[in-house]
Amino acid sequence: MPQNNDDLLLAIGRLEGKVDSLLATMRKHDQELTLMDSRIRRLEQHKFLTLGAAAVIGAVASTLIELVTR
């Protein structure tokens, strides 16, 4: 427990430094999370486009095979 005002001010200063450090870390993590969210969203969009293209190619190939084998 602080003995006098100087000790109290020192303890408050240390606490303020730790809070500032935590806030900076939280901002960094928020930025990283935003970046990762954007990357995941792009990957998901590419995945759906690829699956859609594969479905179209499969349908066209099936139709062509059906026409050729008649």
PDB file of N, CA and C in Angstrom:
ATOM      1  N   MET A   1       0.847  -1.179   0.000  1.00  0.00           N
ATOM      2  CA  MET A   1       0.000   0.000   0.000  1.00  0.00           C
ATOM      3  C   MET A   1       0.893   1.243   0.000  1.00  0.00           C
ATOM      4  N   PRO A   2       0.593   2.235  -0.842  1.00  0.00           N
ATOM      5  CA  PRO A   2       1.422   3.433  -0.915  1.00  0.00           C
ATOM      6  C   PRO A   2       1.457   4.170   0.415  1.00  0.00           C
ATOM      7  N   GLN A   3       2.657   4.710   0.747  1.00  0.00           N
ATOM      8  CA  GLN A   3       2.875   5.389   2.025  1.00  0.00           C
ATOM      9  C   GLN A   3       2.548   6.877   1.936  1.00  0.00           C
ATOM     10  N   ASN A   4       2.867   7.490   0.815  1.00  0.00           N
ATOM     11  CA  ASN A   4       2.646   8.931   0.697  1.00  0.00           C
ATOM     12  C   ASN A   4       2.185   9.276  -0.709  1.00  0.00           C
ATOM     13  N   ASN A   5       2.050  10.575  -0.959  1.00  0.00           N
ATOM     14  CA  ASN A   5       1.557  11.018  -2.267  1.00  0.00           C
ATOM     15  C   ASN A   5       2.482  10.615  -3.403  1.00  0.00           C
ATOM     16  N   ASP A   6       3.795  10.663  -3.179  1.00  0.00           N
ATOM     17  CA  ASP A   6       4.733  10.286  -4.235  1.00  0.00           C
ATOM     18  C   ASP A   6       4.550   8.827  -4.628  1.00  0.00           C
ATOM     19  N   ASP A   7       4.392   7.960  -3.637  1.00  0.00           N
ATOM     20  CA  ASP A   7       4.168   6.544  -3.927  1.00  0.00           C
ATOM     21  C   ASP A   7       2.844   6.342  -4.657  1.00  0.00           C
ATOM     22  N   LEU A   8       1.837   7.094  -4.248  1.00  0.00           N
ATOM     23  CA  LEU A   8       0.533   6.991  -4.881  1.00  0.00           C
ATOM     24  C   LEU A   8       0.606   7.454  -6.338  1.00  0.00           C
ATOM     25  N   LEU A   9       1.282   8.580  -6.573  1.00  0.00           N
ATOM     26  CA  LEU A   9       1.429   9.088  -7.937  1.00  0.00           C
ATOM     27  C   LEU A   9       2.228   8.120  -8.799  1.00  0.00           C
ATOM     28  N   LEU A  10       3.247   7.509  -8.229  1.00  0.00           N
ATOM     29  CA  LEU A  10       4.053   6.531  -8.956  1.00  0.00           C
ATOM     30  C   LEU A  10       3.205   5.314  -9.328  1.00  0.00           C
ATOM     31  N   ALA A  11       2.402   4.844  -8.383  1.00  0.00           N
ATOM     32  CA  ALA A  11       1.533   3.695  -8.648  1.00  0.00           C
ATOM     33  C   ALA A  11       0.495   4.034  -9.720  1.00  0.00           C
ATOM     34  N   ILE A  12      -0.058   5.231  -9.665  1.00  0.00           N
ATOM     35  CA  ILE A  12      -1.033   5.650 -10.674  1.00  0.00           C
ATOM     36  C   ILE A  12      -0.358   5.752 -12.037  1.00  0.00           C
ATOM     37  N   GLY A  13       0.861   6.274 -12.073  1.00  0.00           N
ATOM     38  CA  GLY A  13       1.608   6.366 -13.327  1.00  0.00           C
ATOM     39  C   GLY A  13       1.872   5.000 -13.929  1.00  0.00           C
ATOM     40  N   ARG A  14       2.246   4.047 -13.095  1.00  0.00           N
ATOM     41  CA  ARG A  14       2.475   2.676 -13.582  1.00  0.00           C
ATOM     42  C   ARG A  14       1.181   2.078 -14.133  1.00  0.00           C
ATOM     43  N   LEU A  15       0.110   2.288 -13.405  1.00  0.00           N
ATOM     44  CA  LEU A  15      -1.193   1.772 -13.840  1.00  0.00           C
ATOM     45  C   LEU A  15      -1.605   2.402 -15.171  1.00  0.00           C
ATOM     46  N   GLU A  16      -1.393   3.704 -15.301  1.00  0.00           N
ATOM     47  CA  GLU A  16      -1.731   4.397 -16.545  1.00  0.00           C
ATOM     48  C   GLU A  16      -0.907   3.843 -17.709  1.00  0.00           C
ATOM     49  N   GLY A  17       0.367   3.561 -17.462  1.00  0.00           N
ATOM     50  CA  GLY A  17       1.220   2.982 -18.497  1.00  0.00           C
ATOM     51  C   GLY A  17       0.728   1.612 -18.930  1.00  0.00           C
ATOM     52  N   LYS A  18       0.314   0.825 -17.967  1.00  0.00           N
ATOM     53  CA  LYS A  18      -0.193  -0.508 -18.293  1.00  0.00           C
ATOM     54  C   LYS A  18      -1.501  -0.428 -19.068  1.00  0.00           C
ATOM     55  N   VAL A  19      -2.372   0.482 -18.692  1.00  0.00           N
ATOM     56  CA  VAL A  19      -3.641   0.656 -19.408  1.00  0.00           C
ATOM     57  C   VAL A  19      -3.378   1.111 -20.840  1.00  0.00           C
ATOM     58  N   ASP A  20      -2.444   2.064 -21.011  1.00  0.00           N
ATOM     59  CA  ASP A  20      -2.090   2.514 -22.360  1.00  0.00           C
ATOM     60  C   ASP A  20      -1.553   1.366 -23.197  1.00  0.00           C
ATOM     61  N   SER A  21      -0.738   0.529 -22.602  1.00  0.00           N
ATOM     62  CA  SER A  21      -0.180  -0.627 -23.303  1.00  0.00           C
ATOM     63  C   SER A  21      -1.283  -1.600 -23.702  1.00  0.00           C
ATOM     64  N   LEU A  22      -2.219  -1.846 -22.804  1.00  0.00           N
ATOM     65  CA  LEU A  22      -3.343  -2.739 -23.115  1.00  0.00           C
ATOM     66  C   LEU A  22      -4.211  -2.176 -24.231  1.00  0.00           C
ATOM     67  N   LEU A  23      -4.455  -0.879 -24.207  1.00  0.00           N
ATOM     68  CA  LEU A  23      -5.259  -0.257 -25.257  1.00  0.00           C
ATOM     69  C   LEU A  23      -4.559  -0.350 -26.612  1.00  0.00           C
ATOM     70  N   ALA A  24      -3.247  -0.147 -26.630  1.00  0.00           N
ATOM     71  CA  ALA A  24      -2.498  -0.261 -27.887  1.00  0.00           C
ATOM     72  C   ALA A  24      -2.549  -1.695 -28.412  1.00  0.00           C
ATOM     73  N   THR A  25      -2.435  -2.665 -27.511  1.00  0.00           N
ATOM     74  CA  THR A  25      -2.514  -4.068 -27.911  1.00  0.00           C
ATOM     75  C   THR A  25      -3.895  -4.392 -28.466  1.00  0.00           C
ATOM     76  N   MET A  26      -4.934  -3.866 -27.830  1.00  0.00           N
ATOM     77  CA  MET A  26      -6.295  -4.102 -28.306  1.00  0.00           C
ATOM     78  C   MET A  26      -6.499  -3.495 -29.690  1.00  0.00           C
ATOM     79  N   ARG A  27      -5.975  -2.289 -29.931  1.00  0.00           N
ATOM     80  CA  ARG A  27      -6.093  -1.668 -31.251  1.00  0.00           C
ATOM     81  C   ARG A  27      -5.392  -2.513 -32.309  1.00  0.00           C
ATOM     82  N   LYS A  28      -4.205  -3.018 -31.960  1.00  0.00           N
ATOM     83  CA  LYS A  28      -3.459  -3.866 -32.900  1.00  0.00           C
ATOM     84  C   LYS A  28      -4.257  -5.127 -33.218  1.00  0.00           C
ATOM     85  N   HIS A  29      -4.822  -5.757 -32.211  1.00  0.00           N
ATOM     86  CA  HIS A  29      -5.615  -6.968 -32.420  1.00  0.00           C
ATOM     87  C   HIS A  29      -6.871  -6.674 -33.242  1.00  0.00           C
ATOM     88  N   ASP A  30      -7.491  -5.518 -33.007  1.00  0.00           N
ATOM     89  CA  ASP A  30      -8.666  -5.139 -33.799  1.00  0.00           C
ATOM     90  C   ASP A  30      -8.297  -4.991 -35.271  1.00  0.00           C
ATOM     91  N   GLN A  31      -7.134  -4.373 -35.546  1.00  0.00           N
ATOM     92  CA  GLN A  31      -6.687  -4.216 -36.928  1.00  0.00           C
ATOM     93  C   GLN A  31      -6.416  -5.576 -37.567  1.00  0.00           C
ATOM     94  N   GLU A  32      -5.744  -6.457 -36.831  1.00  0.00           N
ATOM     95  CA  GLU A  32      -5.455  -7.794 -37.352  1.00  0.00           C
ATOM     96  C   GLU A  32      -6.739  -8.573 -37.605  1.00  0.00           C
ATOM     97  N   LEU A  33      -7.698  -8.457 -36.716  1.00  0.00           N
ATOM     98  CA  LEU A  33      -8.977  -9.152 -36.867  1.00  0.00           C
ATOM     99  C   LEU A  33      -9.726  -8.639 -38.094  1.00  0.00           C
ATOM    100  N   THR A  34      -9.701  -7.332 -38.300  1.00  0.00           N
ATOM    101  CA  THR A  34     -10.348  -6.751 -39.477  1.00  0.00           C
ATOM    102  C   THR A  34      -9.688  -7.264 -40.750  1.00  0.00           C
ATOM    103  N   LEU A  35      -8.362  -7.324 -40.761  1.00  0.00           N
ATOM    104  CA  LEU A  35      -7.636  -7.826 -41.926  1.00  0.00           C
ATOM    105  C   LEU A  35      -7.971  -9.292 -42.187  1.00  0.00           C
ATOM    106  N   MET A  36      -7.972 -10.102 -41.140  1.00  0.00           N
ATOM    107  CA  MET A  36      -8.291 -11.527 -41.297  1.00  0.00           C
ATOM    108  C   MET A  36      -9.724 -11.724 -41.766  1.00  0.00           C
ATOM    109  N   ASP A  37     -10.639 -10.918 -41.247  1.00  0.00           N
ATOM    110  CA  ASP A  37     -12.039 -11.019 -41.670  1.00  0.00           C
ATOM    111  C   ASP A  37     -12.169 -10.719 -43.162  1.00  0.00           C
ATOM    112  N   SER A  38     -11.446  -9.709 -43.610  1.00  0.00           N
ATOM    113  CA  SER A  38     -11.465  -9.359 -45.031  1.00  0.00           C
ATOM    114  C   SER A  38     -10.886 -10.494 -45.881  1.00  0.00           C
ATOM    115  N   ARG A  39      -9.794 -11.077 -45.432  1.00  0.00           N
ATOM    116  CA  ARG A  39      -9.174 -12.178 -46.176  1.00  0.00           C
ATOM    117  C   ARG A  39     -10.100 -13.392 -46.233  1.00  0.00           C
ATOM    118  N   ILE A  40     -10.734 -13.715 -45.135  1.00  0.00           N
ATOM    119  CA  ILE A  40     -11.644 -14.863 -45.096  1.00  0.00           C
ATOM    120  C   ILE A  40     -12.840 -14.616 -46.014  1.00  0.00           C
ATOM    121  N   ARG A  41     -13.357 -13.393 -46.003  1.00  0.00           N
ATOM    122  CA  ARG A  41     -14.491 -13.064 -46.863  1.00  0.00           C
ATOM    123  C   ARG A  41     -14.116 -13.255 -48.337  1.00  0.00           C
ATOM    124  N   ARG A  42     -12.899 -12.795 -48.731  1.00  0.00           N
ATOM    125  CA  ARG A  42     -12.455 -12.971 -50.111  1.00  0.00           C
ATOM    126  C   ARG A  42     -12.292 -14.449 -50.460  1.00  0.00           C
ATOM    127  N   LEU A  43     -11.733 -15.232 -49.543  1.00  0.00           N
ATOM    128  CA  LEU A  43     -11.576 -16.666 -49.791  1.00  0.00           C
ATOM    129  C   LEU A  43     -12.925 -17.348 -49.969  1.00  0.00           C
ATOM    130  N   GLU A  44     -13.887 -16.981 -49.141  1.00  0.00           N
ATOM    131  CA  GLU A  44     -15.215 -17.576 -49.261  1.00  0.00           C
ATOM    132  C   GLU A  44     -15.860 -17.210 -50.585  1.00  0.00           C
ATOM    133  N   GLN A  45     -15.698 -15.957 -51.023  1.00  0.00           N
ATOM    134  CA  GLN A  45     -16.269 -15.550 -52.304  1.00  0.00           C
ATOM    135  C   GLN A  45     -15.632 -16.322 -53.456  1.00  0.00           C
ATOM    136  N   HIS A  46     -14.314 -16.491 -53.403  1.00  0.00           N
ATOM    137  CA  HIS A  46     -13.639 -17.258 -54.449  1.00  0.00           C
ATOM    138  C   HIS A  46     -14.086 -18.719 -54.435  1.00  0.00           C
ATOM    139  N   LYS A  47     -14.291 -19.246 -53.243  1.00  0.00           N
ATOM    140  CA  LYS A  47     -14.747 -20.634 -53.127  1.00  0.00           C
ATOM    141  C   LYS A  47     -16.102 -20.805 -53.803  1.00  0.00           C
ATOM    142  N   PHE A  48     -17.035 -19.882 -53.529  1.00  0.00           N
ATOM    143  CA  PHE A  48     -18.364 -19.993 -54.118  1.00  0.00           C
ATOM    144  C   PHE A  48     -18.323 -19.793 -55.625  1.00  0.00           C
ATOM    145  N   LEU A  49     -17.471 -18.876 -56.103  1.00  0.00           N
ATOM    146  CA  LEU A  49     -17.331 -18.691 -57.547  1.00  0.00           C
ATOM    147  C   LEU A  49     -16.769 -19.950 -58.200  1.00  0.00           C
ATOM    148  N   THR A  50     -15.789 -20.563 -57.563  1.00  0.00           N
ATOM    149  CA  THR A  50     -15.181 -21.783 -58.097  1.00  0.00           C
ATOM    150  C   THR A  50     -16.191 -22.926 -58.132  1.00  0.00           C
ATOM    151  N   LEU A  51     -16.949 -23.075 -57.058  1.00  0.00           N
ATOM    152  CA  LEU A  51     -17.964 -24.133 -57.027  1.00  0.00           C
ATOM    153  C   LEU A  51     -19.050 -23.886 -58.075  1.00  0.00           C
ATOM    154  N   GLY A  52     -19.444 -22.644 -58.261  1.00  0.00           N
ATOM    155  CA  GLY A  52     -20.432 -22.322 -59.281  1.00  0.00           C
ATOM    156  C   GLY A  52     -19.915 -22.619 -60.682  1.00  0.00           C
ATOM    157  N   ALA A  53     -18.654 -22.225 -60.926  1.00  0.00           N
ATOM    158  CA  ALA A  53     -18.055 -22.500 -62.239  1.00  0.00           C
ATOM    159  C   ALA A  53     -17.946 -24.002 -62.473  1.00  0.00           C
ATOM    160  N   ALA A  54     -17.580 -24.750 -61.435  1.00  0.00           N
ATOM    161  CA  ALA A  54     -17.476 -26.206 -61.575  1.00  0.00           C
ATOM    162  C   ALA A  54     -18.837 -26.819 -61.879  1.00  0.00           C
ATOM    163  N   ALA A  55     -19.880 -26.300 -61.262  1.00  0.00           N
ATOM    164  CA  ALA A  55     -21.234 -26.814 -61.531  1.00  0.00           C
ATOM    165  C   ALA A  55     -21.635 -26.530 -62.978  1.00  0.00           C
ATOM    166  N   VAL A  56     -21.343 -25.337 -63.452  1.00  0.00           N
ATOM    167  CA  VAL A  56     -21.673 -24.995 -64.841  1.00  0.00           C
ATOM    168  C   VAL A  56     -20.881 -25.866 -65.805  1.00  0.00           C
ATOM    169  N   ILE A  57     -19.593 -26.023 -65.562  1.00  0.00           N
ATOM    170  CA  ILE A  57     -18.759 -26.865 -66.428  1.00  0.00           C
ATOM    171  C   ILE A  57     -19.261 -28.298 -66.416  1.00  0.00           C
ATOM    172  N   GLY A  58     -19.636 -28.795 -65.240  1.00  0.00           N
ATOM    173  CA  GLY A  58     -20.169 -30.153 -65.134  1.00  0.00           C
ATOM    174  C   GLY A  58     -21.455 -30.320 -65.919  1.00  0.00           C
ATOM    175  N   ALA A  59     -22.336 -29.330 -65.838  1.00  0.00           N
ATOM    176  CA  ALA A  59     -23.604 -29.406 -66.569  1.00  0.00           C
ATOM    177  C   ALA A  59     -23.371 -29.352 -68.071  1.00  0.00           C
ATOM    178  N   VAL A  60     -22.475 -28.484 -68.510  1.00  0.00           N
ATOM    179  CA  VAL A  60     -22.168 -28.381 -69.940  1.00  0.00           C
ATOM    180  C   VAL A  60     -21.520 -29.675 -70.431  1.00  0.00           C
ATOM    181  N   ALA A  61     -20.578 -30.204 -69.676  1.00  0.00           N
ATOM    182  CA  ALA A  61     -19.910 -31.453 -70.066  1.00  0.00           C
ATOM    183  C   ALA A  61     -20.918 -32.598 -70.137  1.00  0.00           C
ATOM    184  N   SER A  62     -21.810 -32.662 -69.175  1.00  0.00           N
ATOM    185  CA  SER A  62     -22.828 -33.711 -69.170  1.00  0.00           C
ATOM    186  C   SER A  62     -23.727 -33.603 -70.402  1.00  0.00           C
ATOM    187  N   THR A  63     -24.125 -32.385 -70.714  1.00  0.00           N
ATOM    188  CA  THR A  63     -24.966 -32.171 -71.897  1.00  0.00           C
ATOM    189  C   THR A  63     -24.232 -32.552 -73.170  1.00  0.00           C
ATOM    190  N   LEU A  64     -22.958 -32.160 -73.284  1.00  0.00           N
ATOM    191  CA  LEU A  64     -22.177 -32.511 -74.468  1.00  0.00           C
ATOM    192  C   LEU A  64     -21.987 -34.026 -74.602  1.00  0.00           C
ATOM    193  N   ILE A  65     -21.722 -34.692 -73.498  1.00  0.00           N
ATOM    194  CA  ILE A  65     -21.557 -36.135 -73.525  1.00  0.00           C
ATOM    195  C   ILE A  65     -22.868 -36.804 -73.933  1.00  0.00           C
ATOM    196  N   GLU A  66     -23.952 -36.286 -73.423  1.00  0.00           N
ATOM    197  CA  GLU A  66     -25.280 -36.825 -73.765  1.00  0.00           C
ATOM    198  C   GLU A  66     -25.546 -36.646 -75.259  1.00  0.00           C
ATOM    199  N   LEU A  67     -25.211 -35.513 -75.820  1.00  0.00           N
ATOM    200  CA  LEU A  67     -25.421 -35.270 -77.250  1.00  0.00           C
ATOM    201  C   LEU A  67     -24.515 -36.132 -78.120  1.00  0.00           C
ATOM    202  N   VAL A  68     -23.287 -36.344 -77.687  1.00  0.00           N
ATOM    203  CA  VAL A  68     -22.325 -37.126 -78.469  1.00  0.00           C
ATOM    204  C   VAL A  68     -22.687 -38.606 -78.457  1.00  0.00           C
ATOM    205  N   THR A  69     -23.183 -39.109 -77.365  1.00  0.00           N
ATOM    206  CA  THR A  69     -23.460 -40.528 -77.240  1.00  0.00           C
ATOM    207  C   THR A  69     -24.812 -40.942 -77.811  1.00  0.00           C
ATOM    208  N   ARG A  70     -25.564 -40.075 -78.331  1.00  0.00           N
ATOM    209  CA  ARG A  70     -26.870 -40.426 -78.928  1.00  0.00           C
ATOM    210  C   ARG A  70     -26.718 -41.077 -80.237  1.00  0.00           C
TER     211      ARG A  70
END
